[in-house]
Structure formats: structure tokens, C-alpha cells
Amino acid sequence: MAPRLWATFGNMFQVSAALGFVAEAVIAYRVIELSQQGLSTSWVILGAAGVVVSFLLSILFWNLKGMLLSGNFIARVLVGLYMASSIVFSAGFALIPIAVFYAFTGEPDAYATEPHGRPTKPRLTPPVGWHASGHVGPSGATLYTGPNRHGTAGIFDSWTPVQVMDRRDGYAQVVAESGERGWIDLRTLMEPA
């Protein structure tokens, strides 16, 4: 599966972990209240043990995203089986929250998808003799593969320095210092006067 889908599953587990932390705090507070009111010691110990186990699960859920993105086989198999079974047993309704989380999850950075300890390969090589002739405006710019709106290749952040290579039909072919290149709308380009 694509790294973005694993990041989506990781985000879903992080939200459930955050909700778990809140619920554990409330339950722990209630257990303390009941112990002060004279509840049996065995019930207090049972409640405290439940809070501790739930807290440990929440920590695991919070850290699961990193394991999924780095390619941990066991984590991916367990999460994949869990997600597939939740889709099957909910008659497909589990796809709704997955789709919502997927819509708000971006493509993870390259360093997040590489296992720790391995050197990451640069995705792009910086151009020789590059010099900035302008920069992207405050709204950023969508990067296209050609001088039209077909084939999105990426996004340039606001104020990214770029070198203009060509102009055509209201678009400019630009290259950034990182080596990322493509066509942007001329209206998003700011050049010195």
C-alpha cells in the first residue's frame, strides 16, 4: 500500500490514542474519588490496573504511525488485518472515517518512510549553475508537468526561490534550488522589477 494510506491509518490511531488519554485521566480521577469514599481495595486495584493497561495501549497507538511508515512488517500486518476486518464487519461503513482521514492526510516526507539508520537518497539533484531569478508568491504555487493544468507534479511553498527557465501561455517553467522543476502559473511568480 502507499505511504499515504499507512499515514492515514497512523493518524486514525493517534486520534484514538488522544481520546484514550483523556478517557484514562477521567477514569483515573473517578477511581481516586471512589477509593476516598471507601470503595473496596480490590476494586481500586482493578480500576488502577485497567487505567495502566489502557494507558500503555494508548502509547502504542500513538507511536504506531512511525512503525507503519518505516515498514515494520508486524505492525503493517496487524493494522491491515484490523482495518480489513473493521470494513467487513461494519458492512463498509468503516470506509467513511478512513476516507475522511485520508482526505486530510498529506503524503509523508521521504525521511519518515525510510527505516532509521539507512541513509536516504535525495529525490532530486540540485542544478549546476542555479541562481534565483524570482520567488513564488505568498499563496504558494501548484507545480505542473507542462504549460497547462494537466499533470500535477507537486507544490511550491510560499517564498520558494526559483529560476525561470521558459515562459509559455501564462505559465513559467521554473526550477528550485532543490532541483524540483515544473510549470507554475505566472500569476504566482514574483520577480524583481
Protein backbone atom coordinates (compact mmCIF):
# COMPACT_ATOMS: atom_id res chain seq x y z
CA MET A 1 0.00 0.00 0.00
CA ALA A 2 1.03 3.60 -0.50
CA PRO A 3 2.77 5.50 2.34
CA ARG A 4 -0.12 7.98 2.44
CA LEU A 5 -2.56 5.18 3.33
CA TRP A 6 -0.29 3.94 6.11
CA ALA A 7 -0.02 7.54 7.36
CA THR A 8 -3.84 7.72 7.31
CA PHE A 9 -4.12 4.61 9.46
CA GLY A 10 -1.44 6.03 11.78
CA ASN A 11 -3.36 9.30 12.12
CA MET A 12 -6.53 7.38 12.97
CA PHE A 13 -4.70 5.51 15.73
CA GLN A 14 -3.18 8.76 17.03
CA VAL A 15 -6.62 10.36 17.33
CA SER A 16 -7.93 7.30 19.17
CA ALA A 17 -4.84 7.44 21.44
CA ALA A 18 -5.52 11.11 22.24
CA LEU A 19 -9.12 10.29 23.11
CA GLY A 20 -7.82 7.36 25.19
CA PHE A 21 -5.52 9.66 27.17
CA VAL A 22 -8.47 11.89 28.04
CA ALA A 23 -10.68 8.92 28.99
CA GLU A 24 -7.91 7.43 31.15
CA ALA A 25 -7.49 10.70 33.03
CA VAL A 26 -11.23 10.85 33.72
CA ILE A 27 -11.39 7.19 34.82
CA ALA A 28 -8.28 7.54 37.00
CA TYR A 29 -9.83 10.57 38.70
CA ARG A 30 -13.06 8.64 39.29
CA VAL A 31 -11.14 5.66 40.75
CA ILE A 32 -9.35 8.02 43.16
CA GLU A 33 -12.68 9.55 44.18
CA LEU A 34 -14.22 6.12 44.80
CA SER A 35 -11.20 4.96 46.82
CA GLN A 36 -11.53 8.05 49.02
CA GLN A 37 -15.21 7.24 49.53
CA GLY A 38 -14.33 3.79 50.87
CA LEU A 39 -14.56 1.51 47.82
CA SER A 40 -13.06 -1.95 48.33
CA THR A 41 -9.29 -2.10 47.81
CA SER A 42 -9.61 -4.91 45.28
CA TRP A 43 -11.90 -2.75 43.09
CA VAL A 44 -9.49 0.18 43.34
CA ILE A 45 -6.57 -2.06 42.29
CA LEU A 46 -8.63 -3.49 39.43
CA GLY A 47 -9.57 0.03 38.25
CA ALA A 48 -5.95 1.24 38.51
CA ALA A 49 -4.73 -1.81 36.55
CA GLY A 50 -7.31 -1.11 33.84
CA VAL A 51 -6.13 2.51 33.58
CA VAL A 52 -2.47 1.41 33.33
CA VAL A 53 -3.22 -1.16 30.59
CA SER A 54 -5.31 1.37 28.68
CA PHE A 55 -2.54 3.96 29.04
CA LEU A 56 0.04 1.52 27.62
CA LEU A 57 -2.25 0.76 24.66
CA SER A 58 -2.70 4.48 24.02
CA ILE A 59 1.07 4.95 23.98
CA LEU A 60 1.37 2.07 21.48
CA PHE A 61 -1.38 3.58 19.29
CA TRP A 62 0.30 7.00 19.44
CA ASN A 63 3.62 5.57 18.21
CA LEU A 64 2.13 3.21 15.63
CA LYS A 65 2.33 5.73 12.77
CA GLY A 66 6.13 5.73 12.79
CA MET A 67 6.24 1.94 12.72
CA LEU A 68 3.78 1.83 9.81
CA LEU A 69 5.70 4.39 7.75
CA SER A 70 9.08 2.79 8.36
CA GLY A 71 7.79 -0.53 7.02
CA ASN A 72 7.53 -2.60 10.22
CA PHE A 73 6.12 -5.86 8.85
CA ILE A 74 4.34 -6.99 12.04
CA ALA A 75 2.70 -3.58 12.60
CA ARG A 76 1.55 -3.42 8.97
CA VAL A 77 0.09 -6.93 9.03
CA LEU A 78 -1.76 -6.36 12.31
CA VAL A 79 -3.11 -2.95 11.28
CA GLY A 80 -4.02 -4.21 7.80
CA LEU A 81 -5.95 -7.15 9.26
CA TYR A 82 -7.66 -4.88 11.79
CA MET A 83 -8.69 -2.35 9.14
CA ALA A 84 -9.88 -5.05 6.71
CA SER A 85 -11.95 -6.75 9.42
CA SER A 86 -13.44 -3.43 10.56
CA ILE A 87 -14.50 -2.71 6.97
CA VAL A 88 -16.01 -6.18 6.55
CA PHE A 89 -17.81 -6.29 9.91
CA SER A 90 -19.19 -2.76 9.56
CA ALA A 91 -20.62 -3.55 6.11
CA GLY A 92 -18.29 -0.96 4.57
CA PHE A 93 -19.21 1.92 6.89
CA ALA A 94 -15.65 1.95 8.27
CA LEU A 95 -14.58 3.31 4.88
CA ILE A 96 -16.20 6.66 5.75
CA PRO A 97 -13.78 7.65 8.56
CA ILE A 98 -10.89 6.19 6.56
CA ALA A 99 -11.84 8.41 3.60
CA VAL A 100 -12.16 11.48 5.85
CA PHE A 101 -8.75 10.89 7.45
CA TYR A 102 -7.24 10.14 4.02
CA ALA A 103 -8.54 13.47 2.69
CA PHE A 104 -6.75 15.35 5.49
CA THR A 105 -3.52 13.32 5.40
CA GLY A 106 -0.69 14.52 3.21
CA GLU A 107 2.00 12.45 1.55
CA PRO A 108 4.58 11.66 4.26
CA ASP A 109 8.11 13.02 3.93
CA ALA A 110 10.75 10.75 2.46
CA TYR A 111 12.63 10.56 5.79
CA ALA A 112 9.50 9.29 7.54
CA THR A 113 9.15 6.34 5.17
CA GLU A 114 12.78 5.19 5.45
CA PRO A 115 13.79 2.87 8.29
CA HIS A 116 16.09 4.58 10.79
CA GLY A 117 19.78 4.03 10.26
CA ARG A 118 19.60 3.81 6.48
CA PRO A 119 20.80 6.81 4.51
CA THR A 120 18.04 8.42 2.48
CA LYS A 121 18.64 9.03 -1.19
CA PRO A 122 17.98 12.56 -2.40
CA ARG A 123 14.90 12.61 -4.61
CA LEU A 124 16.19 15.41 -6.83
CA THR A 125 19.65 16.67 -7.72
CA PRO A 126 20.39 20.37 -7.45
CA PRO A 127 21.03 22.01 -10.83
CA VAL A 128 24.53 23.22 -11.72
CA GLY A 129 24.79 26.99 -12.03
CA TRP A 130 21.39 27.60 -10.45
CA HIS A 131 20.56 31.20 -9.49
CA ALA A 132 17.28 32.64 -8.24
CA SER A 133 15.56 34.97 -10.68
CA GLY A 134 12.36 35.26 -8.64
CA HIS A 135 10.31 33.53 -5.99
CA VAL A 136 6.89 32.03 -5.50
CA GLY A 137 4.32 34.45 -4.10
CA PRO A 138 2.69 34.33 -0.66
CA SER A 139 -0.01 31.87 -1.72
CA GLY A 140 2.42 29.21 -2.95
CA ALA A 141 2.12 27.57 -6.37
CA THR A 142 0.96 24.30 -7.85
CA LEU A 143 3.63 22.64 -9.95
CA TYR A 144 2.52 21.13 -13.28
CA THR A 145 4.32 18.80 -15.69
CA GLY A 146 3.53 21.00 -18.71
CA PRO A 147 2.37 24.53 -19.59
CA ASN A 148 -1.25 23.66 -18.81
CA ARG A 149 -3.19 22.49 -15.78
CA HIS A 150 -2.75 18.79 -16.57
CA GLY A 151 -0.39 16.56 -14.64
CA THR A 152 0.17 17.98 -11.18
CA ALA A 153 3.78 17.40 -10.11
CA GLY A 154 3.82 19.00 -6.66
CA ILE A 155 3.50 22.23 -4.74
CA PHE A 156 5.97 25.03 -4.06
CA ASP A 157 5.66 26.67 -0.66
CA SER A 158 5.34 30.42 -0.30
CA TRP A 159 8.51 32.42 -0.98
CA THR A 160 10.40 29.48 -2.54
CA PRO A 161 13.27 30.93 -4.63
CA VAL A 162 13.10 29.75 -8.25
CA GLN A 163 14.94 30.23 -11.52
CA VAL A 164 12.72 30.89 -14.55
CA MET A 165 13.75 28.69 -17.49
CA ASP A 166 10.92 29.35 -20.00
CA ARG A 167 7.59 31.17 -20.36
CA ARG A 168 4.61 29.96 -22.37
CA ASP A 169 0.81 30.59 -22.40
CA GLY A 170 0.67 32.27 -18.98
CA TYR A 171 2.92 29.65 -17.37
CA ALA A 172 6.58 29.72 -16.37
CA GLN A 173 8.89 26.74 -16.30
CA VAL A 174 10.86 27.08 -13.08
CA VAL A 175 13.45 25.12 -11.13
CA ALA A 176 14.06 25.40 -7.40
CA GLU A 177 17.45 25.10 -5.71
CA SER A 178 16.44 21.60 -4.57
CA GLY A 179 16.18 20.52 -8.22
CA GLU A 180 12.39 20.31 -8.22
CA ARG A 181 11.15 21.64 -11.53
CA GLY A 182 7.95 22.15 -13.45
CA TRP A 183 5.50 24.74 -14.71
CA ILE A 184 3.66 27.24 -12.49
CA ASP A 185 1.04 29.88 -13.21
CA LEU A 186 2.78 33.21 -13.96
CA ARG A 187 0.42 34.98 -11.56
CA THR A 188 2.03 33.10 -8.65
CA LEU A 189 5.56 34.17 -9.65
CA MET A 190 7.16 37.28 -8.16
CA GLU A 191 10.20 38.72 -9.92
CA PRO A 192 12.27 41.79 -9.09
CA ALA A 193 11.33 44.87 -11.10
